[in-house]
């Protein structure tokens, strides 16, 4: 089965795992998914991630360890929302002046720019725009 939007598949797997209360989730790996996972780890939305190489074929898997706060019954996920903005059917681009603020600065926008995948705040600092991949809060 081919997936027409692998980034949306990643976001959906993370969202479903958070709603189910799972500790980890596994995602088929790629460079852009690794960059998104790196940003989520740097911003504190996930605990960690690792690339696991598959010995049968040359593909690798991203294993993401999700982050929760609280203990036992009062445990809540750090990720409250995760949405895909730019899709294959409707690409959404933003200039450097119109990069969106997510939840009044409480969340982040992840952009694909000519200088790499980065957060909206970092893109504003560097003065570049790009494709808005997703928003996390």
C-alpha atoms as a PDB file:
ATOM      1  CA  UNK A   1       0.000   0.000   0.000  1.00  0.00           C
ATOM      2  CA  UNK A   2       1.382   3.378  -0.973  1.00  0.00           C
ATOM      3  CA  UNK A   3       0.810   6.418   1.161  1.00  0.00           C
ATOM      4  CA  UNK A   4       0.102   9.612  -0.771  1.00  0.00           C
ATOM      5  CA  UNK A   5       1.016  11.893   2.155  1.00  0.00           C
ATOM      6  CA  UNK A   6       3.687  10.407   4.438  1.00  0.00           C
ATOM      7  CA  UNK A   7       3.874  13.481   6.705  1.00  0.00           C
ATOM      8  CA  UNK A   8       0.125  13.293   7.366  1.00  0.00           C
ATOM      9  CA  UNK A   9       0.593   9.587   8.140  1.00  0.00           C
ATOM     10  CA  UNK A  10       3.294  10.489  10.691  1.00  0.00           C
ATOM     11  CA  UNK A  11       1.096  13.132  12.308  1.00  0.00           C
ATOM     12  CA  UNK A  12      -1.867  10.749  12.460  1.00  0.00           C
ATOM     13  CA  UNK A  13       0.226   7.991  14.053  1.00  0.00           C
ATOM     14  CA  UNK A  14       1.516  10.386  16.718  1.00  0.00           C
ATOM     15  CA  UNK A  15      -1.969  11.785  17.370  1.00  0.00           C
ATOM     16  CA  UNK A  16      -3.496   8.287  17.661  1.00  0.00           C
ATOM     17  CA  UNK A  17      -0.730   7.103  19.998  1.00  0.00           C
ATOM     18  CA  UNK A  18      -1.186  10.133  22.244  1.00  0.00           C
ATOM     19  CA  UNK A  19      -4.950   9.582  22.403  1.00  0.00           C
ATOM     20  CA  UNK A  20      -4.425   5.894  23.239  1.00  0.00           C
ATOM     21  CA  UNK A  21      -1.850   6.747  25.925  1.00  0.00           C
ATOM     22  CA  UNK A  22       0.969   4.748  24.327  1.00  0.00           C
ATOM     23  CA  UNK A  23       4.581   5.318  25.402  1.00  0.00           C
ATOM     24  CA  UNK A  24       6.111   4.931  21.921  1.00  0.00           C
ATOM     25  CA  UNK A  25       5.098   4.864  18.297  1.00  0.00           C
ATOM     26  CA  UNK A  26       6.907   3.584  15.202  1.00  0.00           C
ATOM     27  CA  UNK A  27       6.852   5.351  11.852  1.00  0.00           C
ATOM     28  CA  UNK A  28       8.479   4.482   8.506  1.00  0.00           C
ATOM     29  CA  UNK A  29      11.468   6.807   8.301  1.00  0.00           C
ATOM     30  CA  UNK A  30      12.592   9.501   5.869  1.00  0.00           C
ATOM     31  CA  UNK A  31      14.782  12.602   6.060  1.00  0.00           C
ATOM     32  CA  UNK A  32      11.911  15.074   6.432  1.00  0.00           C
ATOM     33  CA  UNK A  33      10.175  12.954   9.097  1.00  0.00           C
ATOM     34  CA  UNK A  34      13.472  12.777  10.967  1.00  0.00           C
ATOM     35  CA  UNK A  35      13.770  16.566  10.778  1.00  0.00           C
ATOM     36  CA  UNK A  36      10.219  16.989  12.113  1.00  0.00           C
ATOM     37  CA  UNK A  37      10.935  14.536  14.958  1.00  0.00           C
ATOM     38  CA  UNK A  38      14.129  16.470  15.759  1.00  0.00           C
ATOM     39  CA  UNK A  39      12.163  19.720  16.044  1.00  0.00           C
ATOM     40  CA  UNK A  40       9.516  18.070  18.241  1.00  0.00           C
ATOM     41  CA  UNK A  41      12.280  16.779  20.552  1.00  0.00           C
ATOM     42  CA  UNK A  42      14.077  20.149  20.689  1.00  0.00           C
ATOM     43  CA  UNK A  43      10.857  21.999  21.507  1.00  0.00           C
ATOM     44  CA  UNK A  44       9.937  19.497  24.241  1.00  0.00           C
ATOM     45  CA  UNK A  45       6.851  17.934  22.676  1.00  0.00           C
ATOM     46  CA  UNK A  46       8.352  14.427  22.633  1.00  0.00           C
ATOM     47  CA  UNK A  47      10.965  12.860  24.917  1.00  0.00           C
ATOM     48  CA  UNK A  48      13.210  11.401  22.236  1.00  0.00           C
ATOM     49  CA  UNK A  49      13.362   9.626  18.912  1.00  0.00           C
ATOM     50  CA  UNK A  50      15.702   7.140  17.302  1.00  0.00           C
ATOM     51  CA  UNK A  51      16.253   5.725  13.847  1.00  0.00           C
ATOM     52  CA  UNK A  52      16.162   1.938  13.814  1.00  0.00           C
ATOM     53  CA  UNK A  53      17.688   0.258  10.759  1.00  0.00           C
ATOM     54  CA  UNK A  54      15.857  -2.719   9.314  1.00  0.00           C
ATOM     55  CA  UNK A  55      18.152  -5.610   8.429  1.00  0.00           C
ATOM     56  CA  UNK A  56      15.877  -7.284   5.822  1.00  0.00           C
ATOM     57  CA  UNK A  57      15.652  -4.225   3.577  1.00  0.00           C
ATOM     58  CA  UNK A  58      17.409  -0.882   3.399  1.00  0.00           C
ATOM     59  CA  UNK A  59      14.570   1.074   5.035  1.00  0.00           C
ATOM     60  CA  UNK A  60      14.669   2.497   8.516  1.00  0.00           C
ATOM     61  CA  UNK A  61      12.024   3.214  11.120  1.00  0.00           C
ATOM     62  CA  UNK A  62      11.613   6.178  13.450  1.00  0.00           C
ATOM     63  CA  UNK A  63      10.741   5.166  16.987  1.00  0.00           C
ATOM     64  CA  UNK A  64       9.286   8.148  18.866  1.00  0.00           C
ATOM     65  CA  UNK A  65       9.006   8.174  22.646  1.00  0.00           C
ATOM     66  CA  UNK A  66       6.036  10.342  23.598  1.00  0.00           C
ATOM     67  CA  UNK A  67       6.080  12.736  26.525  1.00  0.00           C
ATOM     68  CA  UNK A  68       3.500  12.938  29.317  1.00  0.00           C
ATOM     69  CA  UNK A  69       3.204  15.060  32.480  1.00  0.00           C
ATOM     70  CA  UNK A  70       1.765  13.960  35.803  1.00  0.00           C
ATOM     71  CA  UNK A  71       1.586  10.537  37.322  1.00  0.00           C
ATOM     72  CA  UNK A  72      -0.702   7.598  36.766  1.00  0.00           C
ATOM     73  CA  UNK A  73      -4.348   8.663  36.583  1.00  0.00           C
ATOM     74  CA  UNK A  74      -3.620  12.368  36.295  1.00  0.00           C
ATOM     75  CA  UNK A  75      -1.151  11.783  33.430  1.00  0.00           C
ATOM     76  CA  UNK A  76      -1.701  14.138  30.486  1.00  0.00           C
ATOM     77  CA  UNK A  77       0.077  14.264  27.118  1.00  0.00           C
ATOM     78  CA  UNK A  78       2.297  17.233  26.295  1.00  0.00           C
ATOM     79  CA  UNK A  79       0.938  17.308  22.729  1.00  0.00           C
ATOM     80  CA  UNK A  80      -2.608  18.672  22.889  1.00  0.00           C
ATOM     81  CA  UNK A  81      -3.031  19.170  19.172  1.00  0.00           C
ATOM     82  CA  UNK A  82      -1.212  18.312  15.968  1.00  0.00           C
ATOM     83  CA  UNK A  83      -2.596  19.323  12.569  1.00  0.00           C
ATOM     84  CA  UNK A  84      -1.350  19.091   9.001  1.00  0.00           C
ATOM     85  CA  UNK A  85      -1.606  22.438   7.201  1.00  0.00           C
ATOM     86  CA  UNK A  86      -0.118  21.975   3.731  1.00  0.00           C
ATOM     87  CA  UNK A  87      -1.447  18.894   1.957  1.00  0.00           C
ATOM     88  CA  UNK A  88      -0.751  17.418  -1.487  1.00  0.00           C
ATOM     89  CA  UNK A  89      -4.097  18.758  -2.728  1.00  0.00           C
ATOM     90  CA  UNK A  90      -3.596  22.230  -1.273  1.00  0.00           C
ATOM     91  CA  UNK A  91      -0.097  23.494  -0.647  1.00  0.00           C
ATOM     92  CA  UNK A  92       0.170  26.387   1.813  1.00  0.00           C
ATOM     93  CA  UNK A  93       3.146  28.727   1.564  1.00  0.00           C
ATOM     94  CA  UNK A  94       3.981  31.722   3.711  1.00  0.00           C
ATOM     95  CA  UNK A  95       6.275  34.669   3.304  1.00  0.00           C
ATOM     96  CA  UNK A  96       8.537  35.584   6.186  1.00  0.00           C
ATOM     97  CA  UNK A  97       6.178  38.337   7.295  1.00  0.00           C
ATOM     98  CA  UNK A  98       3.079  36.112   7.362  1.00  0.00           C
ATOM     99  CA  UNK A  99       4.340  33.070   9.273  1.00  0.00           C
ATOM    100  CA  UNK A 100       1.445  32.178  11.604  1.00  0.00           C
ATOM    101  CA  UNK A 101       1.552  32.338  15.406  1.00  0.00           C
ATOM    102  CA  UNK A 102       0.127  29.105  16.812  1.00  0.00           C
ATOM    103  CA  UNK A 103      -2.120  29.504  19.855  1.00  0.00           C
ATOM    104  CA  UNK A 104      -0.691  32.981  20.597  1.00  0.00           C
ATOM    105  CA  UNK A 105       2.832  31.610  20.840  1.00  0.00           C
ATOM    106  CA  UNK A 106       2.010  28.544  22.968  1.00  0.00           C
ATOM    107  CA  UNK A 107       2.512  26.223  19.993  1.00  0.00           C
ATOM    108  CA  UNK A 108       4.846  26.005  17.022  1.00  0.00           C
ATOM    109  CA  UNK A 109       4.505  25.958  13.260  1.00  0.00           C
ATOM    110  CA  UNK A 110       6.919  23.683  11.405  1.00  0.00           C
ATOM    111  CA  UNK A 111       8.046  24.984   8.014  1.00  0.00           C
ATOM    112  CA  UNK A 112      10.023  23.566   5.127  1.00  0.00           C
ATOM    113  CA  UNK A 113      12.253  26.418   3.924  1.00  0.00           C
ATOM    114  CA  UNK A 114      15.152  26.717   1.485  1.00  0.00           C
ATOM    115  CA  UNK A 115      17.428  26.584   4.547  1.00  0.00           C
ATOM    116  CA  UNK A 116      15.884  23.349   5.862  1.00  0.00           C
ATOM    117  CA  UNK A 117      13.006  22.271   8.085  1.00  0.00           C
ATOM    118  CA  UNK A 118      12.581  24.626  11.055  1.00  0.00           C
ATOM    119  CA  UNK A 119      10.103  26.217  13.425  1.00  0.00           C
ATOM    120  CA  UNK A 120       8.209  29.377  12.571  1.00  0.00           C
ATOM    121  CA  UNK A 121      10.151  31.391  15.158  1.00  0.00           C
ATOM    122  CA  UNK A 122      13.490  30.291  13.682  1.00  0.00           C
ATOM    123  CA  UNK A 123      12.281  31.113  10.150  1.00  0.00           C
ATOM    124  CA  UNK A 124      11.281  34.617  11.342  1.00  0.00           C
ATOM    125  CA  UNK A 125      14.776  35.038  12.840  1.00  0.00           C
ATOM    126  CA  UNK A 126      16.478  34.017   9.600  1.00  0.00           C
ATOM    127  CA  UNK A 127      14.028  36.017   7.476  1.00  0.00           C
ATOM    128  CA  UNK A 128      12.859  33.136   5.283  1.00  0.00           C
ATOM    129  CA  UNK A 129       9.430  31.842   4.374  1.00  0.00           C
ATOM    130  CA  UNK A 130       8.357  28.461   3.102  1.00  0.00           C
ATOM    131  CA  UNK A 131       5.761  25.721   3.116  1.00  0.00           C
ATOM    132  CA  UNK A 132       3.863  25.362   6.388  1.00  0.00           C
ATOM    133  CA  UNK A 133       3.945  21.623   7.086  1.00  0.00           C
ATOM    134  CA  UNK A 134       2.090  21.393  10.415  1.00  0.00           C
ATOM    135  CA  UNK A 135       1.177  23.094  13.678  1.00  0.00           C
ATOM    136  CA  UNK A 136       1.742  21.630  17.147  1.00  0.00           C
ATOM    137  CA  UNK A 137       0.380  22.856  20.461  1.00  0.00           C
END
